[in-house]
């Protein structure tokens, strides 16, 4: 998979999350929800290393 495709999928998950939750939550809530969305998109996250990837 090309870098552009991966970037497109990650940004798409982040935008979906932002549209769904909006603002006002603590950072940890967004992190958990984004991890869930990325897993749904068939991405495997390796704990805290995902923060550096994003």
PDB file of N, CA and C in Angstrom:
ATOM      1  N   UNK A   1       0.841  -1.174   0.000  1.00  0.00           N
ATOM      2  CA  UNK A   1       0.000   0.000   0.000  1.00  0.00           C
ATOM      3  C   UNK A   1       0.890   1.243   0.000  1.00  0.00           C
ATOM      4  N   UNK A   2       0.534   2.204  -0.796  1.00  0.00           N
ATOM      5  CA  UNK A   2       1.298   3.437  -0.915  1.00  0.00           C
ATOM      6  C   UNK A   2       1.136   4.311   0.323  1.00  0.00           C
ATOM      7  N   UNK A   3       2.122   5.145   0.565  1.00  0.00           N
ATOM      8  CA  UNK A   3       2.085   6.069   1.695  1.00  0.00           C
ATOM      9  C   UNK A   3       0.873   6.991   1.614  1.00  0.00           C
ATOM     10  N   UNK A   4       0.536   7.454   0.428  1.00  0.00           N
ATOM     11  CA  UNK A   4      -0.614   8.343   0.260  1.00  0.00           C
ATOM     12  C   UNK A   4      -1.919   7.654   0.657  1.00  0.00           C
ATOM     13  N   UNK A   5      -2.052   6.387   0.321  1.00  0.00           N
ATOM     14  CA  UNK A   5      -3.258   5.641   0.673  1.00  0.00           C
ATOM     15  C   UNK A   5      -3.382   5.472   2.181  1.00  0.00           C
ATOM     16  N   UNK A   6      -2.271   5.166   2.826  1.00  0.00           N
ATOM     17  CA  UNK A   6      -2.267   4.992   4.280  1.00  0.00           C
ATOM     18  C   UNK A   6      -2.620   6.309   4.953  1.00  0.00           C
ATOM     19  N   UNK A   7      -1.999   7.390   4.487  1.00  0.00           N
ATOM     20  CA  UNK A   7      -2.276   8.716   5.040  1.00  0.00           C
ATOM     21  C   UNK A   7      -3.744   9.068   4.864  1.00  0.00           C
ATOM     22  N   UNK A   8      -4.305   8.796   3.699  1.00  0.00           N
ATOM     23  CA  UNK A   8      -5.711   9.076   3.416  1.00  0.00           C
ATOM     24  C   UNK A   8      -6.627   8.331   4.390  1.00  0.00           C
ATOM     25  N   UNK A   9      -6.337   7.066   4.654  1.00  0.00           N
ATOM     26  CA  UNK A   9      -7.168   6.276   5.574  1.00  0.00           C
ATOM     27  C   UNK A   9      -7.067   6.792   7.007  1.00  0.00           C
ATOM     28  N   UNK A  10      -5.871   7.138   7.444  1.00  0.00           N
ATOM     29  CA  UNK A  10      -5.684   7.634   8.816  1.00  0.00           C
ATOM     30  C   UNK A  10      -6.404   8.969   8.997  1.00  0.00           C
ATOM     31  N   UNK A  11      -6.237   9.870   8.054  1.00  0.00           N
ATOM     32  CA  UNK A  11      -6.901  11.168   8.149  1.00  0.00           C
ATOM     33  C   UNK A  11      -8.412  10.994   8.081  1.00  0.00           C
ATOM     34  N   UNK A  12      -8.874  10.070   7.257  1.00  0.00           N
ATOM     35  CA  UNK A  12     -10.311   9.791   7.173  1.00  0.00           C
ATOM     36  C   UNK A  12     -10.877   9.324   8.504  1.00  0.00           C
ATOM     37  N   UNK A  13     -10.157   8.463   9.203  1.00  0.00           N
ATOM     38  CA  UNK A  13     -10.590   8.005  10.527  1.00  0.00           C
ATOM     39  C   UNK A  13     -10.620   9.163  11.518  1.00  0.00           C
ATOM     40  N   UNK A  14      -9.621  10.027  11.461  1.00  0.00           N
ATOM     41  CA  UNK A  14      -9.565  11.168  12.376  1.00  0.00           C
ATOM     42  C   UNK A  14     -10.713  12.142  12.117  1.00  0.00           C
ATOM     43  N   UNK A  15     -11.030  12.383  10.854  1.00  0.00           N
ATOM     44  CA  UNK A  15     -12.128  13.289  10.520  1.00  0.00           C
ATOM     45  C   UNK A  15     -13.468  12.692  10.955  1.00  0.00           C
ATOM     46  N   UNK A  16     -13.633  11.401  10.741  1.00  0.00           N
ATOM     47  CA  UNK A  16     -14.865  10.728  11.173  1.00  0.00           C
ATOM     48  C   UNK A  16     -15.033  10.863  12.691  1.00  0.00           C
ATOM     49  N   UNK A  17     -13.949  10.661  13.406  1.00  0.00           N
ATOM     50  CA  UNK A  17     -13.977  10.777  14.857  1.00  0.00           C
ATOM     51  C   UNK A  17     -14.339  12.201  15.283  1.00  0.00           C
ATOM     52  N   UNK A  18     -13.737  13.191  14.657  1.00  0.00           N
ATOM     53  CA  UNK A  18     -14.012  14.582  15.000  1.00  0.00           C
ATOM     54  C   UNK A  18     -15.464  14.941  14.716  1.00  0.00           C
ATOM     55  N   UNK A  19     -15.990  14.477  13.605  1.00  0.00           N
ATOM     56  CA  UNK A  19     -17.384  14.766  13.266  1.00  0.00           C
ATOM     57  C   UNK A  19     -18.349  14.092  14.235  1.00  0.00           C
ATOM     58  N   UNK A  20     -17.977  12.920  14.718  1.00  0.00           N
ATOM     59  CA  UNK A  20     -18.846  12.174  15.621  1.00  0.00           C
ATOM     60  C   UNK A  20     -18.806  12.722  17.041  1.00  0.00           C
ATOM     61  N   UNK A  21     -17.608  12.944  17.579  1.00  0.00           N
ATOM     62  CA  UNK A  21     -17.476  13.362  18.973  1.00  0.00           C
ATOM     63  C   UNK A  21     -17.543  14.875  19.170  1.00  0.00           C
ATOM     64  N   UNK A  22     -17.035  15.614  18.218  1.00  0.00           N
ATOM     65  CA  UNK A  22     -16.950  17.058  18.416  1.00  0.00           C
ATOM     66  C   UNK A  22     -15.813  17.379  19.372  1.00  0.00           C
ATOM     67  N   UNK A  23     -15.973  18.452  20.142  1.00  0.00           N
ATOM     68  CA  UNK A  23     -14.897  18.821  21.061  1.00  0.00           C
ATOM     69  C   UNK A  23     -15.389  18.785  22.503  1.00  0.00           C
ATOM     70  N   UNK A  24     -14.456  18.947  23.433  1.00  0.00           N
ATOM     71  CA  UNK A  24     -14.809  19.003  24.838  1.00  0.00           C
ATOM     72  C   UNK A  24     -14.441  17.772  25.655  1.00  0.00           C
ATOM     73  N   UNK A  25     -13.909  16.753  25.000  1.00  0.00           N
ATOM     74  CA  UNK A  25     -13.512  15.555  25.728  1.00  0.00           C
ATOM     75  C   UNK A  25     -12.030  15.626  26.069  1.00  0.00           C
ATOM     76  N   UNK A  26     -11.615  14.800  27.028  1.00  0.00           N
ATOM     77  CA  UNK A  26     -10.203  14.719  27.363  1.00  0.00           C
ATOM     78  C   UNK A  26      -9.451  13.994  26.249  1.00  0.00           C
ATOM     79  N   UNK A  27      -8.149  14.261  26.163  1.00  0.00           N
ATOM     80  CA  UNK A  27      -7.300  13.705  25.109  1.00  0.00           C
ATOM     81  C   UNK A  27      -7.369  12.180  25.064  1.00  0.00           C
ATOM     82  N   UNK A  28      -7.423  11.551  26.218  1.00  0.00           N
ATOM     83  CA  UNK A  28      -7.422  10.092  26.278  1.00  0.00           C
ATOM     84  C   UNK A  28      -8.659   9.501  25.591  1.00  0.00           C
ATOM     85  N   UNK A  29      -9.775  10.199  25.648  1.00  0.00           N
ATOM     86  CA  UNK A  29     -10.995   9.727  24.994  1.00  0.00           C
ATOM     87  C   UNK A  29     -10.793   9.717  23.482  1.00  0.00           C
ATOM     88  N   UNK A  30     -10.228  10.793  22.952  1.00  0.00           N
ATOM     89  CA  UNK A  30      -9.959  10.858  21.513  1.00  0.00           C
ATOM     90  C   UNK A  30      -8.962   9.784  21.086  1.00  0.00           C
ATOM     91  N   UNK A  31      -7.943   9.554  21.908  1.00  0.00           N
ATOM     92  CA  UNK A  31      -6.944   8.535  21.576  1.00  0.00           C
ATOM     93  C   UNK A  31      -7.578   7.154  21.511  1.00  0.00           C
ATOM     94  N   UNK A  32      -8.405   6.834  22.485  1.00  0.00           N
ATOM     95  CA  UNK A  32      -9.052   5.510  22.503  1.00  0.00           C
ATOM     96  C   UNK A  32     -10.012   5.342  21.336  1.00  0.00           C
ATOM     97  N   UNK A  33     -10.773   6.379  21.057  1.00  0.00           N
ATOM     98  CA  UNK A  33     -11.722   6.303  19.944  1.00  0.00           C
ATOM     99  C   UNK A  33     -11.007   6.211  18.604  1.00  0.00           C
ATOM    100  N   UNK A  34      -9.913   6.955  18.452  1.00  0.00           N
ATOM    101  CA  UNK A  34      -9.154   6.881  17.204  1.00  0.00           C
ATOM    102  C   UNK A  34      -8.542   5.496  17.031  1.00  0.00           C
ATOM    103  N   UNK A  35      -8.042   4.928  18.106  1.00  0.00           N
ATOM    104  CA  UNK A  35      -7.495   3.568  18.037  1.00  0.00           C
ATOM    105  C   UNK A  35      -8.576   2.583  17.608  1.00  0.00           C
ATOM    106  N   UNK A  36      -9.781   2.754  18.138  1.00  0.00           N
ATOM    107  CA  UNK A  36     -10.902   1.894  17.772  1.00  0.00           C
ATOM    108  C   UNK A  36     -11.241   2.050  16.292  1.00  0.00           C
ATOM    109  N   UNK A  37     -11.306   3.289  15.818  1.00  0.00           N
ATOM    110  CA  UNK A  37     -11.611   3.541  14.403  1.00  0.00           C
ATOM    111  C   UNK A  37     -10.544   2.962  13.490  1.00  0.00           C
ATOM    112  N   UNK A  38      -9.287   3.098  13.880  1.00  0.00           N
ATOM    113  CA  UNK A  38      -8.212   2.546  13.058  1.00  0.00           C
ATOM    114  C   UNK A  38      -8.255   1.021  13.041  1.00  0.00           C
ATOM    115  N   UNK A  39      -8.603   0.422  14.177  1.00  0.00           N
ATOM    116  CA  UNK A  39      -8.748  -1.037  14.198  1.00  0.00           C
ATOM    117  C   UNK A  39      -9.889  -1.458  13.274  1.00  0.00           C
ATOM    118  N   UNK A  40     -10.976  -0.706  13.301  1.00  0.00           N
ATOM    119  CA  UNK A  40     -12.093  -1.012  12.408  1.00  0.00           C
ATOM    120  C   UNK A  40     -11.669  -0.897  10.958  1.00  0.00           C
ATOM    121  N   UNK A  41     -10.733  -0.018  10.688  1.00  0.00           N
ATOM    122  CA  UNK A  41     -10.223   0.159   9.329  1.00  0.00           C
ATOM    123  C   UNK A  41      -9.106  -0.840   9.026  1.00  0.00           C
ATOM    124  N   UNK A  42      -8.962  -1.842   9.878  1.00  0.00           N
ATOM    125  CA  UNK A  42      -8.001  -2.942   9.700  1.00  0.00           C
ATOM    126  C   UNK A  42      -6.557  -2.530   9.926  1.00  0.00           C
ATOM    127  N   UNK A  43      -6.327  -1.578  10.821  1.00  0.00           N
ATOM    128  CA  UNK A  43      -4.971  -1.184  11.171  1.00  0.00           C
ATOM    129  C   UNK A  43      -4.643  -1.775  12.529  1.00  0.00           C
ATOM    130  N   UNK A  44      -3.408  -2.217  12.683  1.00  0.00           N
ATOM    131  CA  UNK A  44      -2.947  -2.758  13.950  1.00  0.00           C
ATOM    132  C   UNK A  44      -2.086  -1.705  14.633  1.00  0.00           C
ATOM    133  N   UNK A  45      -2.466  -1.347  15.848  1.00  0.00           N
ATOM    134  CA  UNK A  45      -1.704  -0.358  16.596  1.00  0.00           C
ATOM    135  C   UNK A  45      -0.860  -1.048  17.648  1.00  0.00           C
ATOM    136  N   UNK A  46       0.278  -0.483  17.924  1.00  0.00           N
ATOM    137  CA  UNK A  46       1.183  -1.042  18.915  1.00  0.00           C
ATOM    138  C   UNK A  46       1.278  -0.104  20.116  1.00  0.00           C
ATOM    139  N   UNK A  47       0.180   0.056  20.827  1.00  0.00           N
ATOM    140  CA  UNK A  47       0.146   0.867  22.036  1.00  0.00           C
ATOM    141  C   UNK A  47       0.563   2.297  21.809  1.00  0.00           C
ATOM    142  N   UNK A  48       1.495   2.787  22.612  1.00  0.00           N
ATOM    143  CA  UNK A  48       1.932   4.175  22.555  1.00  0.00           C
ATOM    144  C   UNK A  48       2.665   4.503  21.266  1.00  0.00           C
ATOM    145  N   UNK A  49       3.236   3.529  20.591  1.00  0.00           N
ATOM    146  CA  UNK A  49       3.955   3.790  19.345  1.00  0.00           C
ATOM    147  C   UNK A  49       3.024   4.408  18.296  1.00  0.00           C
ATOM    148  N   UNK A  50       1.722   4.155  18.413  1.00  0.00           N
ATOM    149  CA  UNK A  50       0.766   4.713  17.456  1.00  0.00           C
ATOM    150  C   UNK A  50       0.754   6.233  17.535  1.00  0.00           C
ATOM    151  N   UNK A  51       0.994   6.809  18.718  1.00  0.00           N
ATOM    152  CA  UNK A  51       1.008   8.260  18.850  1.00  0.00           C
ATOM    153  C   UNK A  51       2.101   8.877  18.000  1.00  0.00           C
ATOM    154  N   UNK A  52       3.235   8.215  17.908  1.00  0.00           N
ATOM    155  CA  UNK A  52       4.336   8.735  17.093  1.00  0.00           C
ATOM    156  C   UNK A  52       4.029   8.581  15.622  1.00  0.00           C
ATOM    157  N   UNK A  53       3.285   7.547  15.285  1.00  0.00           N
ATOM    158  CA  UNK A  53       2.920   7.302  13.890  1.00  0.00           C
ATOM    159  C   UNK A  53       1.941   8.357  13.405  1.00  0.00           C
ATOM    160  N   UNK A  54       1.033   8.756  14.280  1.00  0.00           N
ATOM    161  CA  UNK A  54       0.018   9.742  13.900  1.00  0.00           C
ATOM    162  C   UNK A  54       0.613  11.107  13.993  1.00  0.00           C
TER     163      UNK A  54
END
